[in-house]
Amino acid sequence: MPVPKKNLILTIDAFNTLIKPRKPLQQQYIEEAVKYGLNPPKNSLDLLGSFKKAFNRTKLKYPHFGGGEDPKRVGYRVWWHHVISQTFRTFNPETRIPPELCDAIIDRFSGSEGYELYPDVLPFLTTLFDQSNPPVWRYGAGASVVTNPRNAINSPCVMLGVLSNCDSRIPRILESLGIAKYFSFYTLSYDHGLSKPARQLFREARLAGLRTLNPDIVIKEVWDGWDFVHIGDDLFHDYLAAGKVADFTPIWLDRSGLGLRGGEVPKFEED
């Protein structure tokens, strides 16, 4: 196994890696819908199926959650209005879907009302950033680390960033859950007009991390003292995609607990 380099930039996926819905998504949608007089389906899983179809249709029409520089940029609120309206229209074809309902659902999923941390997230982050007792698996016994990259002169530095396919609400969500302070930068599909598994998004994250230390960094030599690791729950979009980017080490966090289908890692082909 290669010896770890002095410094570490660790990027982490957001949804289903750091955070998850506090209640099942379909339950939260239904709770909001009844406030506005809509008739939800008797089986909540039918609403979840409708949501997935609406989500995929909207993603095709307006990529990157309505962000990026694309002419199709509409903004994330309009994007989610499309998804939410289509989700409920299946069960209320003759009823106008109130825009206020869409706003209520968007706002609910903009913080701790809609999301919660996985139980292992906070212990992991606090252990990683414990300057008095840094993780032995990374630096060995008796090491000391710094968490402010501008102080990384004589001591190893750990820097975290979020690398996720999502809109621009994620910093607000993590702030409401008490973990935003651990992250130095965000690389989001909404901001860059790129979505994983695009390898360029991983390169953008690597550069964003290094520029947190020095805004003028542009050449490869400056990252020779850094390890770059990405953690995510999606085998394809996180693990296989990151593994195709030079100098990145991918880690697959199997939140589903289902393991590999057939016991083999699928072949990666970038979109």
Protein backbone atom coordinates (compact mmCIF):
# COMPACT_ATOMS: atom_id res chain seq x y z
CA MET A 1 0.00 0.00 0.00
CA PRO A 2 1.39 3.47 -0.88
CA VAL A 3 2.52 5.64 2.02
CA PRO A 4 0.04 8.50 2.62
CA LYS A 5 1.27 11.91 1.53
CA LYS A 6 1.59 14.80 3.93
CA ASN A 7 -1.74 16.44 3.14
CA LEU A 8 -5.22 15.18 2.34
CA ILE A 9 -8.06 16.69 0.34
CA LEU A 10 -11.14 14.56 0.95
CA THR A 11 -14.29 15.14 -1.10
CA ILE A 12 -17.57 13.62 0.04
CA ASP A 13 -20.87 13.17 -1.75
CA ALA A 14 -23.86 14.72 0.01
CA PHE A 15 -27.12 12.85 -0.54
CA ASN A 16 -27.24 9.28 0.77
CA THR A 17 -23.64 9.66 1.94
CA LEU A 18 -23.72 12.48 4.48
CA ILE A 19 -27.46 13.08 4.70
CA LYS A 20 -30.77 11.34 4.11
CA PRO A 21 -34.45 12.35 4.34
CA ARG A 22 -35.58 12.61 7.97
CA LYS A 23 -38.75 10.74 7.00
CA PRO A 24 -39.41 8.89 3.74
CA LEU A 25 -39.60 11.46 0.95
CA GLN A 26 -43.10 10.41 -0.10
CA GLN A 27 -44.36 10.83 3.47
CA GLN A 28 -43.01 14.36 3.69
CA TYR A 29 -44.53 15.26 0.32
CA ILE A 30 -47.91 13.94 1.44
CA GLU A 31 -47.74 15.83 4.75
CA GLU A 32 -47.31 19.08 2.85
CA ALA A 33 -49.86 18.24 0.16
CA VAL A 34 -52.75 17.67 2.57
CA LYS A 35 -52.21 21.19 3.96
CA TYR A 36 -53.19 22.49 0.52
CA GLY A 37 -56.19 20.23 0.01
CA LEU A 38 -54.64 17.81 -2.48
CA ASN A 39 -55.60 14.16 -2.59
CA PRO A 40 -52.54 11.95 -2.15
CA PRO A 41 -52.58 8.37 -3.42
CA LYS A 42 -53.70 5.65 -1.01
CA ASN A 43 -50.36 3.89 -1.43
CA SER A 44 -47.51 6.30 -0.69
CA LEU A 45 -45.17 4.25 -2.87
CA ASP A 46 -47.25 5.31 -5.86
CA LEU A 47 -46.32 8.90 -5.10
CA LEU A 48 -42.66 7.92 -4.84
CA GLY A 49 -42.89 6.31 -8.27
CA SER A 50 -44.50 9.44 -9.68
CA PHE A 51 -41.75 11.56 -8.12
CA LYS A 52 -39.00 9.48 -9.72
CA LYS A 53 -40.59 9.79 -13.14
CA ALA A 54 -41.04 13.56 -12.75
CA PHE A 55 -37.47 13.93 -11.48
CA ASN A 56 -36.01 12.04 -14.44
CA ARG A 57 -38.12 13.92 -17.01
CA THR A 58 -37.11 17.28 -15.55
CA LYS A 59 -33.45 16.24 -15.36
CA LEU A 60 -33.47 15.44 -19.06
CA LYS A 61 -35.16 18.70 -20.01
CA TYR A 62 -33.18 20.93 -17.64
CA PRO A 63 -29.90 19.28 -16.61
CA HIS A 64 -27.89 20.00 -13.44
CA PHE A 65 -30.98 20.93 -11.40
CA GLY A 66 -31.57 23.92 -13.63
CA GLY A 67 -28.08 25.35 -13.05
CA GLY A 68 -24.83 25.78 -14.95
CA GLU A 69 -24.24 28.09 -17.89
CA ASP A 70 -26.48 26.14 -20.22
CA PRO A 71 -29.23 28.03 -22.10
CA LYS A 72 -31.60 25.69 -20.28
CA ARG A 73 -30.67 27.22 -16.92
CA VAL A 74 -33.90 27.99 -15.08
CA GLY A 75 -32.75 28.07 -11.46
CA TYR A 76 -33.32 25.41 -8.85
CA ARG A 77 -36.66 26.74 -7.56
CA VAL A 78 -38.26 26.62 -11.01
CA TRP A 79 -36.65 23.20 -11.54
CA TRP A 80 -38.19 21.80 -8.36
CA HIS A 81 -41.55 23.43 -9.14
CA HIS A 82 -41.59 21.32 -12.32
CA VAL A 83 -40.78 18.13 -10.39
CA ILE A 84 -43.24 18.70 -7.57
CA SER A 85 -46.12 19.79 -9.82
CA GLN A 86 -45.70 16.78 -12.08
CA THR A 87 -45.45 14.46 -9.07
CA PHE A 88 -48.88 15.49 -7.76
CA ARG A 89 -50.62 16.11 -11.08
CA THR A 90 -50.75 12.35 -11.66
CA PHE A 91 -53.19 12.03 -8.76
CA ASN A 92 -54.93 15.42 -9.12
CA PRO A 93 -55.33 15.84 -12.89
CA GLU A 94 -58.15 18.38 -12.64
CA THR A 95 -56.64 20.40 -9.79
CA ARG A 96 -54.21 23.29 -10.04
CA ILE A 97 -51.08 22.44 -8.07
CA PRO A 98 -50.53 25.46 -5.80
CA PRO A 99 -47.13 27.13 -6.26
CA GLU A 100 -47.20 27.67 -2.50
CA LEU A 101 -47.09 23.89 -2.04
CA CYS A 102 -43.99 23.66 -4.23
CA ASP A 103 -42.33 26.42 -2.22
CA ALA A 104 -43.23 24.73 1.06
CA ILE A 105 -41.66 21.45 -0.03
CA ILE A 106 -38.55 23.19 -1.37
CA ASP A 107 -38.15 25.07 1.92
CA ARG A 108 -38.73 21.93 3.97
CA PHE A 109 -35.91 20.18 2.11
CA SER A 110 -33.57 23.14 2.58
CA GLY A 111 -32.60 22.23 6.12
CA SER A 112 -32.95 19.97 9.12
CA GLU A 113 -36.74 19.70 8.84
CA GLY A 114 -36.37 17.55 5.75
CA TYR A 115 -32.94 15.96 6.26
CA GLU A 116 -30.85 14.31 8.95
CA LEU A 117 -27.29 13.03 9.18
CA TYR A 118 -26.39 9.38 8.99
CA PRO A 119 -25.37 8.27 12.50
CA ASP A 120 -21.74 7.69 11.52
CA VAL A 121 -21.13 11.10 9.91
CA LEU A 122 -20.50 13.30 12.94
CA PRO A 123 -18.22 10.75 14.69
CA PHE A 124 -16.20 10.43 11.49
CA LEU A 125 -15.82 14.19 11.04
CA THR A 126 -14.92 14.87 14.65
CA THR A 127 -12.35 12.08 14.64
CA LEU A 128 -10.80 13.32 11.42
CA PHE A 129 -10.49 16.84 12.80
CA ASP A 130 -9.41 15.99 16.33
CA GLN A 131 -6.11 17.88 16.40
CA SER A 132 -5.10 16.34 19.73
CA ASN A 133 -5.75 12.79 18.59
CA PRO A 134 -5.72 12.53 14.77
CA PRO A 135 -6.76 9.23 13.21
CA VAL A 136 -4.01 6.61 13.49
CA TRP A 137 -5.18 4.98 10.24
CA ARG A 138 -4.11 8.12 8.42
CA TYR A 139 -1.07 9.55 10.19
CA GLY A 140 0.15 6.96 12.66
CA ALA A 141 0.43 7.32 16.43
CA GLY A 142 1.50 10.62 17.95
CA ALA A 143 0.91 12.82 14.90
CA SER A 144 -0.62 16.30 14.96
CA VAL A 145 -2.64 17.86 12.16
CA VAL A 146 -4.07 21.25 11.28
CA THR A 147 -7.50 21.89 9.81
CA ASN A 148 -6.81 25.38 8.48
CA PRO A 149 -4.91 24.88 5.21
CA ARG A 150 -3.19 28.25 5.58
CA ASN A 151 -1.44 26.90 8.70
CA ALA A 152 -0.20 23.78 6.90
CA ILE A 153 3.50 24.63 7.00
CA ASN A 154 5.07 22.00 9.23
CA SER A 155 2.05 19.85 10.10
CA PRO A 156 -0.12 17.67 7.87
CA CYS A 157 -3.32 19.28 6.67
CA VAL A 158 -6.76 17.72 6.20
CA MET A 159 -9.20 19.64 4.00
CA LEU A 160 -12.76 18.54 3.25
CA GLY A 161 -15.05 19.49 0.40
CA VAL A 162 -18.49 18.47 -0.82
CA LEU A 163 -18.59 17.06 -4.35
CA SER A 164 -22.18 16.32 -5.24
CA ASN A 165 -24.85 16.33 -7.92
CA CYS A 166 -27.22 18.81 -6.31
CA ASP A 167 -28.39 22.40 -6.30
CA SER A 168 -26.99 25.28 -4.29
CA ARG A 169 -28.94 24.60 -1.08
CA ILE A 170 -26.49 22.02 0.25
CA PRO A 171 -24.32 24.48 2.26
CA ARG A 172 -27.49 25.72 3.98
CA ILE A 173 -28.59 22.15 4.70
CA LEU A 174 -25.25 21.17 6.21
CA GLU A 175 -25.21 24.38 8.25
CA SER A 176 -28.60 23.53 9.70
CA LEU A 177 -27.31 20.05 10.60
CA GLY A 178 -24.23 21.45 12.32
CA ILE A 179 -21.49 20.12 10.03
CA ALA A 180 -20.86 22.94 7.53
CA LYS A 181 -17.89 24.08 9.65
CA TYR A 182 -15.96 20.95 8.60
CA PHE A 183 -16.04 21.78 4.88
CA SER A 184 -13.72 24.24 3.14
CA PHE A 185 -15.24 24.17 -0.35
CA TYR A 186 -18.20 22.95 -2.39
CA THR A 187 -18.13 21.62 -5.95
CA LEU A 188 -21.72 21.21 -7.08
CA SER A 189 -23.20 20.18 -10.40
CA TYR A 190 -25.58 23.15 -10.20
CA ASP A 191 -22.72 25.66 -10.13
CA HIS A 192 -20.48 24.04 -12.75
CA GLY A 193 -22.98 22.79 -15.31
CA LEU A 194 -21.45 19.32 -14.94
CA SER A 195 -22.73 16.26 -13.17
CA LYS A 196 -20.99 13.14 -11.97
CA PRO A 197 -19.77 10.86 -13.48
CA ALA A 198 -18.12 13.61 -15.58
CA ARG A 199 -14.44 13.44 -14.72
CA GLN A 200 -14.07 17.17 -15.18
CA LEU A 201 -16.21 17.77 -12.09
CA PHE A 202 -13.69 15.81 -10.00
CA ARG A 203 -10.87 17.89 -11.50
CA GLU A 204 -12.77 21.05 -10.61
CA ALA A 205 -13.10 19.82 -7.03
CA ARG A 206 -9.38 19.07 -6.81
CA LEU A 207 -8.54 22.57 -8.03
CA ALA A 208 -11.11 24.18 -5.71
CA GLY A 209 -9.50 22.46 -2.76
CA LEU A 210 -6.00 23.53 -3.70
CA ARG A 211 -7.14 27.09 -4.40
CA THR A 212 -8.53 27.27 -0.90
CA LEU A 213 -4.88 27.19 0.13
CA ASN A 214 -3.57 29.35 -2.72
CA PRO A 215 -5.92 31.06 -5.22
CA ASP A 216 -3.12 31.21 -7.79
CA ILE A 217 -2.51 27.45 -7.96
CA VAL A 218 -2.70 26.25 -11.56
CA ILE A 219 0.12 23.74 -12.09
CA LYS A 220 0.35 20.07 -11.17
CA GLU A 221 3.59 20.27 -9.20
CA VAL A 222 1.84 21.95 -6.29
CA TRP A 223 -0.33 18.92 -5.56
CA ASP A 224 2.48 16.39 -5.37
CA GLY A 225 2.30 16.60 -1.57
CA TRP A 226 -1.43 15.89 -1.47
CA ASP A 227 -3.59 12.81 -1.52
CA PHE A 228 -7.03 13.19 -3.12
CA VAL A 229 -9.79 10.87 -1.90
CA HIS A 230 -13.49 10.82 -2.78
CA ILE A 231 -16.19 9.04 -0.75
CA GLY A 232 -19.67 8.38 -2.08
CA ASP A 233 -22.54 5.92 -1.99
CA ASP A 234 -23.00 5.51 -5.75
CA LEU A 235 -20.83 2.79 -7.24
CA PHE A 236 -20.91 4.33 -10.71
CA HIS A 237 -21.09 8.09 -10.15
CA ASP A 238 -18.74 8.16 -7.17
CA TYR A 239 -16.44 5.14 -6.99
CA LEU A 240 -15.89 4.23 -10.62
CA ALA A 241 -15.92 7.83 -11.87
CA ALA A 242 -13.41 9.07 -9.29
CA GLY A 243 -11.20 6.07 -9.99
CA LYS A 244 -10.77 7.27 -13.58
CA VAL A 245 -9.37 10.66 -12.50
CA ALA A 246 -5.62 10.96 -12.11
CA ASP A 247 -4.42 11.10 -8.48
CA PHE A 248 -7.89 10.38 -7.02
CA THR A 249 -8.49 7.42 -4.71
CA PRO A 250 -12.17 6.41 -4.60
CA ILE A 251 -13.99 4.89 -1.62
CA TRP A 252 -17.41 3.34 -2.08
CA LEU A 253 -19.72 3.71 0.92
CA ASP A 254 -22.33 1.01 0.39
CA ARG A 255 -25.24 2.58 2.26
CA SER A 256 -27.68 0.08 0.78
CA GLY A 257 -25.76 -2.85 2.22
CA LEU A 258 -26.56 -4.84 -0.91
CA GLY A 259 -22.98 -5.18 -2.12
CA LEU A 260 -22.06 -5.80 -5.73
CA ARG A 261 -24.56 -7.41 -8.05
CA GLY A 262 -23.02 -10.62 -9.26
CA GLY A 263 -19.93 -9.90 -7.15
CA GLU A 264 -18.18 -7.97 -9.92
CA VAL A 265 -17.44 -4.28 -10.37
CA PRO A 266 -19.25 -3.07 -13.52
CA LYS A 267 -17.36 -1.48 -16.40
CA PHE A 268 -17.16 2.30 -16.32
CA GLU A 269 -18.10 4.31 -19.39
CA GLU A 270 -18.40 8.07 -18.97
CA ASP A 271 -21.50 9.73 -20.40
